Amino acid sequence: MHVLLVEDHPDLAANLGDFLGNHGHSVDFAADGPSGLRLAQAQRFDAIVLDRLLPGLDGASVCRRLRASSSRHVPLLMLTAMDTVNDRVEGLRAGADDYLVKPFAMVELLARLEALHRRATAAGLDRVLTLADLEFDLDTLIARRGGETISLTPALRKLLELLMRDTHRVVTREELERRLWGDAPPEGDVLRAHIYALRVAIDKPWPKKLLHTIHGSGYRLADLGDG
């Protein structure tokens, strides 16, 4: 998952970011309500973790504005130090999908986020990923570009899904290897071979290239408007 964490306590934000990162998820951070709202509206996230009490704009207000301004329902988990029924009800009525009271166990937060993401996926959200004239149907596992079906191995399908879910950013080699093979990547530079094979499959027959190598950083699947 690509997660937005809106939390004004730096130690908690850092610990949460490290924990989620160690479990293969990428995290963007905001430390106040207005910044969190701008990021949530400007980028595509799989889930949002939102503190209830934030400087500038409280979490309930951020949630209400986000729900009112976006047609896409991003799973949202709200955090609070205020363990009252009224506070939880207000957060849920503002549009939060779940609630977690501080202090909490990191593993519980991760489990709740994964459950929210599974429910969103089961509801049929984001089952067809698209970029320019490239599309990948996660139900049929069929990839097409310009209407033409592309033949992919299971490993290349997984790599394509990872890159298509993160078109807004550069995905590092280390993150791709971790998400493809966990803590036991194969010997040799297998990722480079996979990237080459995917590039041949989705880019070679077409003039506009979508898979870009960002030297020294990683890879990005994006429509940059070049030929």
C-alpha atoms as a PDB file:
ATOM      1  CA  MET A   1       0.000   0.000   0.000  1.00  0.00           C
ATOM      2  CA  HIS A   2       0.941   3.629  -0.467  1.00  0.00           C
ATOM      3  CA  VAL A   3      -0.129   5.298   2.787  1.00  0.00           C
ATOM      4  CA  LEU A   4      -0.552   8.929   3.770  1.00  0.00           C
ATOM      5  CA  LEU A   5       0.199   9.501   7.459  1.00  0.00           C
ATOM      6  CA  VAL A   6      -1.067  12.797   8.901  1.00  0.00           C
ATOM      7  CA  GLU A   7       0.349  13.039  12.420  1.00  0.00           C
ATOM      8  CA  ASP A   8       1.824  16.040  14.235  1.00  0.00           C
ATOM      9  CA  HIS A   9       3.861  14.095  16.822  1.00  0.00           C
ATOM     10  CA  PRO A  10       7.221  13.504  15.077  1.00  0.00           C
ATOM     11  CA  ASP A  11       8.301  10.489  17.152  1.00  0.00           C
ATOM     12  CA  LEU A  12       5.044   8.636  16.552  1.00  0.00           C
ATOM     13  CA  ALA A  13       5.091   9.542  12.867  1.00  0.00           C
ATOM     14  CA  ALA A  14       8.666   8.284  12.500  1.00  0.00           C
ATOM     15  CA  ASN A  15       7.931   5.029  14.342  1.00  0.00           C
ATOM     16  CA  LEU A  16       4.804   4.388  12.291  1.00  0.00           C
ATOM     17  CA  GLY A  17       6.604   5.181   9.057  1.00  0.00           C
ATOM     18  CA  ASP A  18       9.446   2.799   9.896  1.00  0.00           C
ATOM     19  CA  PHE A  19       7.034   0.043  10.905  1.00  0.00           C
ATOM     20  CA  LEU A  20       4.928   0.312   7.753  1.00  0.00           C
ATOM     21  CA  GLY A  21       8.047   0.585   5.596  1.00  0.00           C
ATOM     22  CA  ASN A  22       9.480  -2.570   7.153  1.00  0.00           C
ATOM     23  CA  HIS A  23       6.300  -4.361   6.122  1.00  0.00           C
ATOM     24  CA  GLY A  24       6.664  -3.347   2.469  1.00  0.00           C
ATOM     25  CA  HIS A  25       4.458  -0.247   2.395  1.00  0.00           C
ATOM     26  CA  SER A  26       5.448   3.250   1.279  1.00  0.00           C
ATOM     27  CA  VAL A  27       4.528   6.268   3.407  1.00  0.00           C
ATOM     28  CA  ASP A  28       4.141   9.994   2.771  1.00  0.00           C
ATOM     29  CA  PHE A  29       3.927  12.340   5.748  1.00  0.00           C
ATOM     30  CA  ALA A  30       2.097  15.519   6.739  1.00  0.00           C
ATOM     31  CA  ALA A  31       2.343  17.202  10.139  1.00  0.00           C
ATOM     32  CA  ASP A  32      -0.759  19.419  10.066  1.00  0.00           C
ATOM     33  CA  GLY A  33      -4.313  19.397   8.757  1.00  0.00           C
ATOM     34  CA  PRO A  34      -3.965  21.718   5.750  1.00  0.00           C
ATOM     35  CA  SER A  35      -0.851  19.910   4.463  1.00  0.00           C
ATOM     36  CA  GLY A  36      -2.520  16.547   4.905  1.00  0.00           C
ATOM     37  CA  LEU A  37      -5.598  17.665   2.990  1.00  0.00           C
ATOM     38  CA  ARG A  38      -3.502  19.047   0.119  1.00  0.00           C
ATOM     39  CA  LEU A  39      -1.500  15.832  -0.183  1.00  0.00           C
ATOM     40  CA  ALA A  40      -4.625  13.667  -0.026  1.00  0.00           C
ATOM     41  CA  GLN A  41      -6.244  15.701  -2.802  1.00  0.00           C
ATOM     42  CA  ALA A  42      -3.139  15.932  -4.994  1.00  0.00           C
ATOM     43  CA  GLN A  43      -1.851  12.345  -4.882  1.00  0.00           C
ATOM     44  CA  ARG A  44      -3.253   8.832  -5.057  1.00  0.00           C
ATOM     45  CA  PHE A  45      -3.064   6.813  -1.841  1.00  0.00           C
ATOM     46  CA  ASP A  46      -4.259   3.316  -0.961  1.00  0.00           C
ATOM     47  CA  ALA A  47      -5.019   4.321   2.637  1.00  0.00           C
ATOM     48  CA  ILE A  48      -4.823   7.322   4.972  1.00  0.00           C
ATOM     49  CA  VAL A  49      -3.946   7.372   8.673  1.00  0.00           C
ATOM     50  CA  LEU A  50      -5.269  10.636  10.120  1.00  0.00           C
ATOM     51  CA  ASP A  51      -4.796  12.004  13.624  1.00  0.00           C
ATOM     52  CA  ARG A  52      -7.940  13.458  15.201  1.00  0.00           C
ATOM     53  CA  LEU A  53      -6.221  16.508  16.741  1.00  0.00           C
ATOM     54  CA  LEU A  54      -4.032  18.402  14.278  1.00  0.00           C
ATOM     55  CA  PRO A  55      -2.745  21.984  14.018  1.00  0.00           C
ATOM     56  CA  GLY A  56      -4.362  24.187  11.407  1.00  0.00           C
ATOM     57  CA  LEU A  57      -7.328  21.924  10.697  1.00  0.00           C
ATOM     58  CA  ASP A  58      -8.599  19.081  12.878  1.00  0.00           C
ATOM     59  CA  GLY A  59      -8.825  15.539  11.564  1.00  0.00           C
ATOM     60  CA  ALA A  60     -12.619  15.440  11.348  1.00  0.00           C
ATOM     61  CA  SER A  61     -12.614  18.600   9.206  1.00  0.00           C
ATOM     62  CA  VAL A  62      -9.876  17.184   6.972  1.00  0.00           C
ATOM     63  CA  CYS A  63     -11.927  14.020   6.521  1.00  0.00           C
ATOM     64  CA  ARG A  64     -15.146  15.889   5.697  1.00  0.00           C
ATOM     65  CA  ARG A  65     -13.423  18.123   3.136  1.00  0.00           C
ATOM     66  CA  LEU A  66     -11.659  15.190   1.526  1.00  0.00           C
ATOM     67  CA  ARG A  67     -14.878  13.188   1.192  1.00  0.00           C
ATOM     68  CA  ALA A  68     -16.665  16.217  -0.257  1.00  0.00           C
ATOM     69  CA  SER A  69     -13.958  16.960  -2.837  1.00  0.00           C
ATOM     70  CA  SER A  70     -13.067  13.483  -4.110  1.00  0.00           C
ATOM     71  CA  SER A  71     -15.119  10.912  -6.007  1.00  0.00           C
ATOM     72  CA  ARG A  72     -12.674   8.157  -5.027  1.00  0.00           C
ATOM     73  CA  HIS A  73     -13.173   6.686  -1.556  1.00  0.00           C
ATOM     74  CA  VAL A  74      -9.746   6.163   0.036  1.00  0.00           C
ATOM     75  CA  PRO A  75      -9.853   3.937   3.149  1.00  0.00           C
ATOM     76  CA  LEU A  76      -9.227   6.203   6.156  1.00  0.00           C
ATOM     77  CA  LEU A  77      -8.212   5.195   9.681  1.00  0.00           C
ATOM     78  CA  MET A  78      -8.514   7.923  12.318  1.00  0.00           C
ATOM     79  CA  LEU A  79      -6.303   8.079  15.410  1.00  0.00           C
ATOM     80  CA  THR A  80      -7.334   9.779  18.629  1.00  0.00           C
ATOM     81  CA  ALA A  81      -6.256  10.237  22.241  1.00  0.00           C
ATOM     82  CA  MET A  82      -9.861  11.105  23.170  1.00  0.00           C
ATOM     83  CA  ASP A  83     -11.618   7.861  24.040  1.00  0.00           C
ATOM     84  CA  THR A  84     -15.222   9.055  24.192  1.00  0.00           C
ATOM     85  CA  VAL A  85     -18.229   7.776  22.322  1.00  0.00           C
ATOM     86  CA  ASN A  86     -19.110  11.236  20.984  1.00  0.00           C
ATOM     87  CA  ASP A  87     -15.607  11.755  19.628  1.00  0.00           C
ATOM     88  CA  ARG A  88     -15.617   8.394  17.838  1.00  0.00           C
ATOM     89  CA  VAL A  89     -19.092   9.050  16.440  1.00  0.00           C
ATOM     90  CA  GLU A  90     -18.030  12.476  15.120  1.00  0.00           C
ATOM     91  CA  GLY A  91     -15.019  10.973  13.360  1.00  0.00           C
ATOM     92  CA  LEU A  92     -17.055   8.205  11.770  1.00  0.00           C
ATOM     93  CA  ARG A  93     -19.760  10.622  10.678  1.00  0.00           C
ATOM     94  CA  ALA A  94     -17.074  12.825   9.121  1.00  0.00           C
ATOM     95  CA  GLY A  95     -16.201   9.914   6.838  1.00  0.00           C
ATOM     96  CA  ALA A  96     -13.598   7.821   8.670  1.00  0.00           C
ATOM     97  CA  ASP A  97     -13.794   4.083   7.977  1.00  0.00           C
ATOM     98  CA  ASP A  98     -12.272   2.974  11.273  1.00  0.00           C
ATOM     99  CA  TYR A  99     -11.026   4.379  14.574  1.00  0.00           C
ATOM    100  CA  LEU A 100      -8.019   3.555  16.755  1.00  0.00           C
ATOM    101  CA  VAL A 101      -7.479   4.983  20.237  1.00  0.00           C
ATOM    102  CA  LYS A 102      -3.985   5.945  21.418  1.00  0.00           C
ATOM    103  CA  PRO A 103      -1.912   4.258  22.706  1.00  0.00           C
ATOM    104  CA  PHE A 104      -2.203   1.381  20.269  1.00  0.00           C
ATOM    105  CA  ALA A 105      -0.122  -1.549  19.054  1.00  0.00           C
ATOM    106  CA  MET A 106       1.569  -1.083  15.690  1.00  0.00           C
ATOM    107  CA  VAL A 107       0.509  -4.551  14.584  1.00  0.00           C
ATOM    108  CA  GLU A 108      -3.141  -3.677  15.236  1.00  0.00           C
ATOM    109  CA  LEU A 109      -2.876  -0.514  13.144  1.00  0.00           C
ATOM    110  CA  LEU A 110      -1.329  -2.513  10.294  1.00  0.00           C
ATOM    111  CA  ALA A 111      -4.023  -5.196  10.545  1.00  0.00           C
ATOM    112  CA  ARG A 112      -6.785  -2.590  10.462  1.00  0.00           C
ATOM    113  CA  LEU A 113      -5.242  -0.845   7.443  1.00  0.00           C
ATOM    114  CA  GLU A 114      -4.896  -4.123   5.571  1.00  0.00           C
ATOM    115  CA  ALA A 115      -8.503  -5.028   6.383  1.00  0.00           C
ATOM    116  CA  LEU A 116      -9.727  -1.647   5.093  1.00  0.00           C
ATOM    117  CA  HIS A 117      -7.697  -2.088   1.921  1.00  0.00           C
ATOM    118  CA  ARG A 118      -9.049  -5.611   1.377  1.00  0.00           C
ATOM    119  CA  ARG A 119     -12.617  -4.392   1.776  1.00  0.00           C
ATOM    120  CA  ALA A 120     -12.039  -1.562  -0.686  1.00  0.00           C
ATOM    121  CA  THR A 121     -10.554  -4.015  -3.180  1.00  0.00           C
ATOM    122  CA  ALA A 122     -13.393  -6.491  -2.681  1.00  0.00           C
ATOM    123  CA  ALA A 123     -15.870  -3.698  -3.339  1.00  0.00           C
ATOM    124  CA  GLY A 124     -14.487  -3.457  -6.860  1.00  0.00           C
ATOM    125  CA  LEU A 125     -12.353  -0.334  -6.443  1.00  0.00           C
ATOM    126  CA  ASP A 126      -9.180  -0.043  -8.506  1.00  0.00           C
ATOM    127  CA  ARG A 127      -9.617  -3.400 -10.228  1.00  0.00           C
ATOM    128  CA  VAL A 128      -8.573  -1.985 -13.602  1.00  0.00           C
ATOM    129  CA  LEU A 129      -5.378   0.066 -13.497  1.00  0.00           C
ATOM    130  CA  THR A 130      -4.846   2.520 -16.351  1.00  0.00           C
ATOM    131  CA  LEU A 131      -2.072   4.770 -17.590  1.00  0.00           C
ATOM    132  CA  ALA A 132      -2.344   6.497 -20.970  1.00  0.00           C
ATOM    133  CA  ASP A 133      -3.333   3.678 -23.374  1.00  0.00           C
ATOM    134  CA  LEU A 134      -2.050   0.940 -21.028  1.00  0.00           C
ATOM    135  CA  GLU A 135      -4.503  -0.948 -18.832  1.00  0.00           C
ATOM    136  CA  PHE A 136      -4.227  -3.946 -16.516  1.00  0.00           C
ATOM    137  CA  ASP A 137      -7.306  -5.809 -15.313  1.00  0.00           C
ATOM    138  CA  LEU A 138      -6.554  -7.337 -11.903  1.00  0.00           C
ATOM    139  CA  ASP A 139      -9.484  -9.749 -12.135  1.00  0.00           C
ATOM    140  CA  THR A 140      -8.704 -11.257 -15.527  1.00  0.00           C
ATOM    141  CA  LEU A 141      -4.929 -10.573 -15.278  1.00  0.00           C
ATOM    142  CA  ILE A 142      -5.064  -9.289 -18.856  1.00  0.00           C
ATOM    143  CA  ALA A 143      -2.849  -6.339 -19.800  1.00  0.00           C
ATOM    144  CA  ARG A 144      -3.519  -4.314 -22.930  1.00  0.00           C
ATOM    145  CA  ARG A 145      -1.910  -1.368 -24.622  1.00  0.00           C
ATOM    146  CA  GLY A 146      -3.667   0.448 -27.429  1.00  0.00           C
ATOM    147  CA  GLY A 147      -6.267  -2.324 -27.326  1.00  0.00           C
ATOM    148  CA  GLU A 148      -3.675  -5.037 -27.998  1.00  0.00           C
ATOM    149  CA  THR A 149      -3.268  -7.830 -25.449  1.00  0.00           C
ATOM    150  CA  ILE A 150       0.204  -8.100 -23.903  1.00  0.00           C
ATOM    151  CA  SER A 151       1.591 -11.492 -22.874  1.00  0.00           C
ATOM    152  CA  LEU A 152       3.182 -11.375 -19.400  1.00  0.00           C
ATOM    153  CA  THR A 153       4.595 -13.944 -16.990  1.00  0.00           C
ATOM    154  CA  PRO A 154       3.238 -13.992 -13.410  1.00  0.00           C
ATOM    155  CA  ALA A 155       6.341 -12.142 -12.171  1.00  0.00           C
ATOM    156  CA  LEU A 156       5.960  -9.432 -14.826  1.00  0.00           C
ATOM    157  CA  ARG A 157       2.267  -9.061 -13.996  1.00  0.00           C
ATOM    158  CA  LYS A 158       3.166  -8.457 -10.354  1.00  0.00           C
ATOM    159  CA  LEU A 159       5.855  -5.953 -11.317  1.00  0.00           C
ATOM    160  CA  LEU A 160       3.438  -4.148 -13.640  1.00  0.00           C
ATOM    161  CA  GLU A 161       0.823  -3.915 -10.879  1.00  0.00           C
ATOM    162  CA  LEU A 162       3.339  -2.482  -8.404  1.00  0.00           C
ATOM    163  CA  LEU A 163       4.515   0.174 -10.843  1.00  0.00           C
ATOM    164  CA  MET A 164       0.997   1.061 -12.029  1.00  0.00           C
ATOM    165  CA  ARG A 165      -0.164   1.608  -8.451  1.00  0.00           C
ATOM    166  CA  ASP A 166       2.695   4.067  -7.874  1.00  0.00           C
ATOM    167  CA  THR A 167       2.754   6.101 -11.086  1.00  0.00           C
ATOM    168  CA  HIS A 168       3.014   9.346  -9.097  1.00  0.00           C
ATOM    169  CA  ARG A 169       6.523   8.572  -7.821  1.00  0.00           C
ATOM    170  CA  VAL A 170       9.838   6.824  -8.418  1.00  0.00           C
ATOM    171  CA  VAL A 171       9.885   3.323  -6.921  1.00  0.00           C
ATOM    172  CA  THR A 172      13.325   2.313  -5.692  1.00  0.00           C
ATOM    173  CA  ARG A 173      15.033  -0.932  -6.624  1.00  0.00           C
ATOM    174  CA  GLU A 174      15.106  -1.953  -2.972  1.00  0.00           C
ATOM    175  CA  GLU A 175      11.356  -1.462  -2.567  1.00  0.00           C
ATOM    176  CA  LEU A 176      10.544  -3.404  -5.731  1.00  0.00           C
ATOM    177  CA  GLU A 177      12.795  -6.284  -4.699  1.00  0.00           C
ATOM    178  CA  ARG A 178      11.245  -6.356  -1.224  1.00  0.00           C
ATOM    179  CA  ARG A 179       7.689  -6.310  -2.562  1.00  0.00           C
ATOM    180  CA  LEU A 180       8.419  -8.960  -5.192  1.00  0.00           C
ATOM    181  CA  TRP A 181      10.498 -11.390  -3.155  1.00  0.00           C
ATOM    182  CA  GLY A 182      10.311 -10.321   0.500  1.00  0.00           C
ATOM    183  CA  ASP A 183      13.518 -10.643   2.493  1.00  0.00           C
ATOM    184  CA  ALA A 184      14.986 -13.326   0.206  1.00  0.00           C
ATOM    185  CA  PRO A 185      15.580 -11.836  -3.262  1.00  0.00           C
ATOM    186  CA  PRO A 186      17.106 -14.213  -5.844  1.00  0.00           C
ATOM    187  CA  GLU A 187      20.805 -14.183  -6.599  1.00  0.00           C
ATOM    188  CA  GLY A 188      22.059 -11.820  -9.293  1.00  0.00           C
ATOM    189  CA  ASP A 189      20.410  -8.752 -10.767  1.00  0.00           C
ATOM    190  CA  VAL A 190      17.107 -10.454 -11.506  1.00  0.00           C
ATOM    191  CA  LEU A 191      15.148  -7.219 -11.127  1.00  0.00           C
ATOM    192  CA  ARG A 192      17.053  -5.629 -14.017  1.00  0.00           C
ATOM    193  CA  ALA A 193      16.154  -8.587 -16.237  1.00  0.00           C
ATOM    194  CA  HIS A 194      12.501  -8.290 -15.219  1.00  0.00           C
ATOM    195  CA  ILE A 195      12.479  -4.545 -15.939  1.00  0.00           C
ATOM    196  CA  TYR A 196      14.002  -5.171 -19.363  1.00  0.00           C
ATOM    197  CA  ALA A 197      11.408  -7.842 -20.169  1.00  0.00           C
ATOM    198  CA  LEU A 198       8.555  -5.601 -19.018  1.00  0.00           C
ATOM    199  CA  ARG A 199       9.882  -2.697 -21.085  1.00  0.00           C
ATOM    200  CA  VAL A 200      10.044  -4.893 -24.180  1.00  0.00           C
ATOM    201  CA  ALA A 201       6.460  -6.060 -23.559  1.00  0.00           C
ATOM    202  CA  ILE A 202       4.752  -2.736 -22.857  1.00  0.00           C
ATOM    203  CA  ASP A 203       6.953  -0.170 -24.611  1.00  0.00           C
ATOM    204  CA  LYS A 204       8.878  -1.599 -27.551  1.00  0.00           C
ATOM    205  CA  PRO A 205       6.020  -1.695 -30.104  1.00  0.00           C
ATOM    206  CA  TRP A 206       4.821   1.832 -29.277  1.00  0.00           C
ATOM    207  CA  PRO A 207       6.464   5.231 -29.915  1.00  0.00           C
ATOM    208  CA  LYS A 208       5.602   6.680 -26.497  1.00  0.00           C
ATOM    209  CA  LYS A 209       7.630   5.109 -23.696  1.00  0.00           C
ATOM    210  CA  LEU A 210       5.972   4.668 -20.305  1.00  0.00           C
ATOM    211  CA  LEU A 211       8.584   2.784 -18.272  1.00  0.00           C
ATOM    212  CA  HIS A 212      11.413   5.101 -17.235  1.00  0.00           C
ATOM    213  CA  THR A 213      14.699   4.369 -15.460  1.00  0.00           C
ATOM    214  CA  ILE A 214      15.573   7.123 -12.988  1.00  0.00           C
ATOM    215  CA  HIS A 215      19.314   6.598 -12.697  1.00  0.00           C
ATOM    216  CA  GLY A 216      20.541   6.265  -9.142  1.00  0.00           C
ATOM    217  CA  SER A 217      16.983   6.103  -7.777  1.00  0.00           C
ATOM    218  CA  GLY A 218      14.786   3.439  -9.341  1.00  0.00           C
ATOM    219  CA  TYR A 219      11.962   3.164 -11.861  1.00  0.00           C
ATOM    220  CA  ARG A 220       8.800   5.024 -12.711  1.00  0.00           C
ATOM    221  CA  LEU A 221       5.867   4.053 -14.891  1.00  0.00           C
ATOM    222  CA  ALA A 222       4.435   7.361 -16.103  1.00  0.00           C
ATOM    223  CA  ASP A 223       3.120   9.243 -19.102  1.00  0.00           C
ATOM    224  CA  LEU A 224       5.666  12.062 -19.281  1.00  0.00           C
ATOM    225  CA  GLY A 225       4.400  13.339 -22.623  1.00  0.00           C
ATOM    226  CA  ASP A 226       7.541  12.359 -24.543  1.00  0.00           C
ATOM    227  CA  GLY A 227       7.626  10.406 -27.723  1.00  0.00           C
END
